[in-house]
Structures are given as C-alpha cells and as structure tokens.
C-alpha cells in the first residue's frame, strides 16, 4: 500500500535479489512438507480443518448478515 500511495518514501531496507529468496524458501518448505513420511495424512487433516473452518465462517457471516 505504501508503495502505491507514497512511492517516494524511503524504505528501511531492501531485500537482496528479490524475489529469489522467498521463492527458494517456498520450494524448500514444500520439499520438506511433501517428502516427509506420513505427509499425505497430515495434509488431508489440514485440508479438512481449513474446509470446516471456511464453512463455519461463511455460515456465521450469513447468519450475522441476516440479523442486521
């Protein structure tokens, strides 16, 4: 947001070789998650938690919108 509204503002730091470090970190994280033993079970549980949380969030938002 600051980059759009105040492009002339001095930034406190700059990331060297951006966007390479975040990409390397993401690839390393994905490698660790997918290569470890039992990762499929853990990923399915995490996906189920995200799905249930999303459904509850939408239902609660719809209920709050109908009450207002």
Protein backbone atom coordinates (compact mmCIF):
# COMPACT_ATOMS: atom_id res chain seq x y z
CA UNK A 1 0.00 0.00 0.00
CA UNK A 2 2.82 2.38 0.83
CA UNK A 3 4.46 1.57 -2.48
CA UNK A 4 1.32 2.79 -4.30
CA UNK A 5 0.45 5.81 -2.13
CA UNK A 6 3.94 7.06 -1.25
CA UNK A 7 6.43 5.74 -3.82
CA UNK A 8 8.96 8.46 -2.86
CA UNK A 9 9.14 7.36 0.81
CA UNK A 10 12.50 5.99 1.95
CA UNK A 11 12.24 2.29 2.83
CA UNK A 12 14.08 0.93 5.92
CA UNK A 13 15.65 -1.96 3.99
CA UNK A 14 15.74 -3.70 0.62
CA UNK A 15 15.76 -7.47 0.09
CA UNK A 16 18.80 -8.53 -1.89
CA UNK A 17 17.94 -10.48 -5.11
CA UNK A 18 14.19 -10.11 -4.53
CA UNK A 19 12.07 -12.28 -5.35
CA UNK A 20 14.58 -15.14 -5.36
CA UNK A 21 14.88 -15.64 -1.54
CA UNK A 22 11.11 -16.07 -0.95
CA UNK A 23 10.86 -18.48 -3.89
CA UNK A 24 13.78 -20.57 -2.60
CA UNK A 25 12.21 -20.61 0.88
CA UNK A 26 8.84 -21.69 -0.53
CA UNK A 27 10.40 -24.50 -2.58
CA UNK A 28 12.38 -25.69 0.46
CA UNK A 29 9.29 -25.65 2.66
CA UNK A 30 7.26 -27.56 0.05
CA UNK A 31 10.05 -30.14 -0.27
CA UNK A 32 10.11 -30.72 3.49
CA UNK A 33 6.31 -30.99 3.70
CA UNK A 34 5.85 -33.38 0.78
CA UNK A 35 8.89 -35.62 1.27
CA UNK A 36 8.44 -36.48 4.93
CA UNK A 37 6.82 -39.75 5.87
CA UNK A 38 3.07 -39.54 6.51
CA UNK A 39 2.70 -36.17 4.85
CA UNK A 40 -0.43 -37.20 2.93
CA UNK A 41 -2.34 -37.84 6.15
CA UNK A 42 -1.23 -34.58 7.69
CA UNK A 43 -2.11 -32.62 4.57
CA UNK A 44 -5.56 -34.21 4.39
CA UNK A 45 -6.22 -33.34 8.04
CA UNK A 46 -5.03 -29.77 7.47
CA UNK A 47 -7.25 -29.51 4.38
CA UNK A 48 -10.24 -30.79 6.35
CA UNK A 49 -9.62 -28.23 9.11
CA UNK A 50 -9.41 -25.42 6.54
CA UNK A 51 -12.58 -26.63 4.82
CA UNK A 52 -14.58 -26.90 8.06
CA UNK A 53 -13.31 -23.51 9.20
CA UNK A 54 -14.28 -21.90 5.89
CA UNK A 55 -17.78 -23.40 6.01
CA UNK A 56 -18.30 -22.22 9.59
CA UNK A 57 -17.01 -18.75 8.72
CA UNK A 58 -19.42 -18.44 5.78
CA UNK A 59 -22.37 -19.76 7.78
CA UNK A 60 -21.67 -17.39 10.66
CA UNK A 61 -21.26 -14.46 8.26
CA UNK A 62 -24.57 -15.26 6.57
CA UNK A 63 -26.32 -15.52 9.92
CA UNK A 64 -24.87 -12.23 11.12
CA UNK A 65 -25.87 -10.51 7.86
CA UNK A 66 -29.47 -11.75 8.15
CA UNK A 67 -29.78 -10.50 11.76
CA UNK A 68 -28.54 -6.96 10.96
